[in-house]
């Protein structure tokens, strides 16, 4: 709740934006973001990859005017499609630093605990088992890119062959086979879904 409120308040409405790039790998998205960041006046705005979703899908985040430039420049970079997302704030970029500061203060009051189950951080796409490190990564996650593609591959490397998405929606489930065709993905959003899943395991 604290994180969500802080992220909404970090940037004035209309000052930030995000766009999805389809038919783009991360290096292409990084090149596009770098090209879109400079303003006509010679200043530099924020425009960086926010989500590396895999399967040719990367999301950019930053100043609204920089995102508009990125959308216009996308065809020149060989990107099939770029579309602005209907979001309330430019998540996972440097503009979220005020929210990261709020998170740091809130988590500073929380004693660290080591996880009881294996955990892969989406900031590093690596296993983390130390509670204090997890607290720091939760702060960094507010402004850092979500390395989902790498997280999925890291899970596969541990021996996982089925990924279960818990909660509303099936976005991550749909991305799974696009990242690695050997992986199966399923989504559970209700108690009935959980019961059905258990029967298949």
Protein backbone atom coordinates (compact mmCIF):
# COMPACT_ATOMS: atom_id res chain seq x y z
CA UNK A 1 0.00 0.00 0.00
CA UNK A 2 2.80 2.41 0.90
CA UNK A 3 4.69 1.56 -2.29
CA UNK A 4 1.65 2.04 -4.51
CA UNK A 5 0.73 5.38 -2.99
CA UNK A 6 4.30 6.65 -3.18
CA UNK A 7 4.63 5.67 -6.83
CA UNK A 8 1.42 7.48 -7.71
CA UNK A 9 2.59 10.64 -5.95
CA UNK A 10 6.16 10.63 -7.31
CA UNK A 11 5.38 12.22 -10.68
CA UNK A 12 2.66 14.79 -11.53
CA UNK A 13 -0.11 13.42 -13.76
CA UNK A 14 0.77 13.80 -17.43
CA UNK A 15 4.49 14.34 -16.87
CA UNK A 16 5.44 10.69 -17.29
CA UNK A 17 4.45 7.86 -19.60
CA UNK A 18 5.25 4.32 -20.69
CA UNK A 19 5.16 2.56 -24.05
CA UNK A 20 5.32 -1.05 -25.15
CA UNK A 21 7.69 -2.07 -27.92
CA UNK A 22 6.69 -5.14 -29.92
CA UNK A 23 9.22 -6.94 -32.06
CA UNK A 24 12.10 -5.57 -30.00
CA UNK A 25 14.84 -7.19 -27.96
CA UNK A 26 16.48 -5.40 -25.04
CA UNK A 27 19.52 -4.02 -26.97
CA UNK A 28 17.18 -2.44 -29.55
CA UNK A 29 15.06 -0.92 -26.79
CA UNK A 30 18.14 0.48 -25.05
CA UNK A 31 19.32 2.06 -28.30
CA UNK A 32 15.89 3.57 -28.93
CA UNK A 33 15.66 4.94 -25.38
CA UNK A 34 19.07 6.56 -25.70
CA UNK A 35 18.05 8.19 -28.99
CA UNK A 36 14.75 9.48 -27.56
CA UNK A 37 16.14 10.97 -24.34
CA UNK A 38 17.64 14.22 -25.77
CA UNK A 39 15.21 17.13 -26.13
CA UNK A 40 15.25 19.61 -29.06
CA UNK A 41 16.60 22.16 -26.56
CA UNK A 42 19.65 20.02 -25.82
CA UNK A 43 18.53 18.71 -22.43
CA UNK A 44 18.26 15.04 -21.48
CA UNK A 45 15.01 13.52 -20.26
CA UNK A 46 14.44 10.14 -18.66
CA UNK A 47 13.72 7.35 -21.14
CA UNK A 48 14.81 3.85 -20.17
CA UNK A 49 13.66 0.22 -20.43
CA UNK A 50 11.28 -0.56 -17.56
CA UNK A 51 10.36 -4.16 -18.33
CA UNK A 52 12.24 -6.77 -20.34
CA UNK A 53 9.28 -9.10 -20.79
CA UNK A 54 10.87 -11.41 -23.36
CA UNK A 55 9.37 -12.75 -26.54
CA UNK A 56 10.19 -9.53 -28.37
CA UNK A 57 8.39 -7.27 -25.88
CA UNK A 58 10.10 -4.47 -23.95
CA UNK A 59 8.47 -1.55 -22.12
CA UNK A 60 10.00 1.94 -21.92
CA UNK A 61 9.31 4.45 -19.15
CA UNK A 62 10.19 8.09 -18.58
CA UNK A 63 9.15 11.65 -19.33
CA UNK A 64 6.01 11.78 -21.49
CA UNK A 65 7.70 13.85 -24.20
CA UNK A 66 10.64 11.42 -24.37
CA UNK A 67 8.25 8.48 -24.68
CA UNK A 68 6.47 10.29 -27.53
CA UNK A 69 9.82 10.70 -29.29
CA UNK A 70 10.58 7.01 -28.76
CA UNK A 71 7.29 6.00 -30.38
CA UNK A 72 8.07 8.15 -33.43
CA UNK A 73 11.66 6.85 -33.69
CA UNK A 74 10.78 3.18 -33.23
CA UNK A 75 10.34 2.30 -36.95
CA UNK A 76 13.81 3.70 -37.70
CA UNK A 77 15.25 1.25 -35.15
CA UNK A 78 13.58 -1.74 -36.80
CA UNK A 79 10.92 -2.11 -34.11
CA UNK A 80 7.64 -3.47 -35.43
CA UNK A 81 5.29 -1.52 -33.20
CA UNK A 82 5.40 1.01 -30.37
CA UNK A 83 2.29 1.97 -28.45
CA UNK A 84 1.69 4.18 -25.44
CA UNK A 85 0.33 2.37 -22.40
CA UNK A 86 -2.63 3.56 -20.35
CA UNK A 87 -0.82 3.82 -17.02
CA UNK A 88 -1.07 6.29 -14.16
CA UNK A 89 2.67 6.87 -13.74
CA UNK A 90 6.07 6.09 -15.35
CA UNK A 91 6.96 3.05 -13.27
CA UNK A 92 10.42 1.46 -12.94
CA UNK A 93 12.51 4.44 -14.02
CA UNK A 94 14.54 7.20 -12.37
CA UNK A 95 11.47 9.43 -12.06
CA UNK A 96 10.29 7.08 -9.31
CA UNK A 97 13.19 8.01 -7.01
CA UNK A 98 10.90 9.91 -4.59
CA UNK A 99 8.87 6.71 -4.20
CA UNK A 100 12.06 4.70 -3.66
CA UNK A 101 13.00 7.10 -0.86
CA UNK A 102 9.61 6.52 0.79
CA UNK A 103 10.10 2.76 0.49
CA UNK A 104 13.56 2.98 2.02
CA UNK A 105 12.18 4.85 5.02
CA UNK A 106 9.27 2.44 5.47
CA UNK A 107 11.43 -0.67 5.13
CA UNK A 108 13.99 0.82 7.49
CA UNK A 109 11.46 0.30 10.26
CA UNK A 110 11.00 -3.36 9.33
CA UNK A 111 13.42 -5.97 10.69
CA UNK A 112 14.87 -8.14 7.89
CA UNK A 113 13.91 -11.79 7.64
CA UNK A 114 15.37 -14.45 5.40
CA UNK A 115 12.86 -16.03 2.99
CA UNK A 116 11.46 -19.48 3.76
CA UNK A 117 11.31 -20.40 0.06
CA UNK A 118 13.72 -19.80 -2.86
CA UNK A 119 13.46 -16.25 -4.19
CA UNK A 120 14.65 -14.67 -7.43
CA UNK A 121 14.79 -10.87 -7.39
CA UNK A 122 13.47 -9.14 -10.49
CA UNK A 123 16.12 -6.42 -10.10
CA UNK A 124 19.02 -8.83 -10.51
CA UNK A 125 17.37 -11.97 -11.93
CA UNK A 126 19.41 -13.87 -9.36
CA UNK A 127 18.68 -15.91 -6.24
CA UNK A 128 18.70 -13.97 -2.99
CA UNK A 129 18.45 -15.50 0.47
CA UNK A 130 19.54 -12.70 2.80
CA UNK A 131 16.76 -10.62 4.34
CA UNK A 132 18.79 -7.40 4.48
CA UNK A 133 19.67 -7.74 0.79
CA UNK A 134 16.02 -8.32 -0.06
CA UNK A 135 15.07 -5.09 1.71
CA UNK A 136 17.61 -3.17 -0.37
CA UNK A 137 16.41 -4.77 -3.59
CA UNK A 138 12.80 -3.86 -2.76
CA UNK A 139 13.92 -0.23 -2.71
CA UNK A 140 15.93 -0.54 -5.92
CA UNK A 141 13.02 -2.28 -7.64
CA UNK A 142 11.01 0.94 -7.63
CA UNK A 143 13.39 2.61 -10.10
CA UNK A 144 15.04 -0.42 -11.74
CA UNK A 145 14.05 -2.39 -14.81
CA UNK A 146 12.07 -5.58 -14.23
CA UNK A 147 14.24 -8.34 -15.69
CA UNK A 148 11.38 -10.78 -16.22
CA UNK A 149 12.88 -12.61 -19.21
CA UNK A 150 16.04 -13.33 -17.24
CA UNK A 151 14.01 -14.31 -14.16
CA UNK A 152 12.16 -16.96 -16.15
CA UNK A 153 15.40 -18.37 -17.53
CA UNK A 154 16.88 -18.36 -14.02
CA UNK A 155 13.91 -20.37 -12.76
CA UNK A 156 14.35 -22.85 -15.58
CA UNK A 157 18.03 -23.19 -14.68
CA UNK A 158 17.00 -24.40 -11.21
CA UNK A 159 14.98 -27.23 -12.75
CA UNK A 160 11.55 -25.60 -12.93
CA UNK A 161 9.43 -26.76 -15.86
CA UNK A 162 6.07 -25.21 -14.89
CA UNK A 163 5.52 -21.62 -13.77
CA UNK A 164 2.39 -20.70 -11.82
CA UNK A 165 1.08 -17.13 -11.93
CA UNK A 166 -0.90 -16.28 -8.79
CA UNK A 167 -3.43 -13.45 -8.82
CA UNK A 168 -5.65 -11.69 -11.32
CA UNK A 169 -4.83 -11.93 -15.01
CA UNK A 170 -2.67 -14.14 -17.20
CA UNK A 171 -0.13 -11.71 -18.64
CA UNK A 172 2.97 -13.49 -17.31
CA UNK A 173 1.54 -16.90 -18.22
CA UNK A 174 1.21 -15.75 -21.81
CA UNK A 175 4.81 -14.54 -21.87
CA UNK A 176 6.28 -17.81 -20.57
CA UNK A 177 6.26 -19.90 -23.79
CA UNK A 178 7.48 -16.89 -25.76
CA UNK A 179 10.57 -16.79 -23.56
CA UNK A 180 11.19 -20.55 -23.62
CA UNK A 181 8.99 -23.06 -25.43
CA UNK A 182 10.06 -25.84 -23.06
CA UNK A 183 8.36 -24.13 -20.13
CA UNK A 184 4.68 -24.45 -19.27
CA UNK A 185 2.77 -21.63 -17.65
CA UNK A 186 -0.55 -21.61 -15.83
CA UNK A 187 -2.51 -18.96 -13.93
CA UNK A 188 -4.49 -19.39 -10.72
CA UNK A 189 -6.82 -16.68 -9.46
CA UNK A 190 -9.41 -18.51 -7.37
CA UNK A 191 -9.47 -21.35 -4.82
CA UNK A 192 -10.99 -23.56 -7.52
CA UNK A 193 -8.03 -22.79 -9.79
CA UNK A 194 -5.65 -23.85 -7.02
CA UNK A 195 -7.50 -27.13 -6.47
CA UNK A 196 -7.45 -27.86 -10.20
CA UNK A 197 -3.73 -27.12 -10.37
CA UNK A 198 -2.91 -29.42 -7.46
CA UNK A 199 -4.60 -32.31 -9.27
CA UNK A 200 -2.26 -31.86 -12.23
CA UNK A 201 0.95 -31.92 -10.19
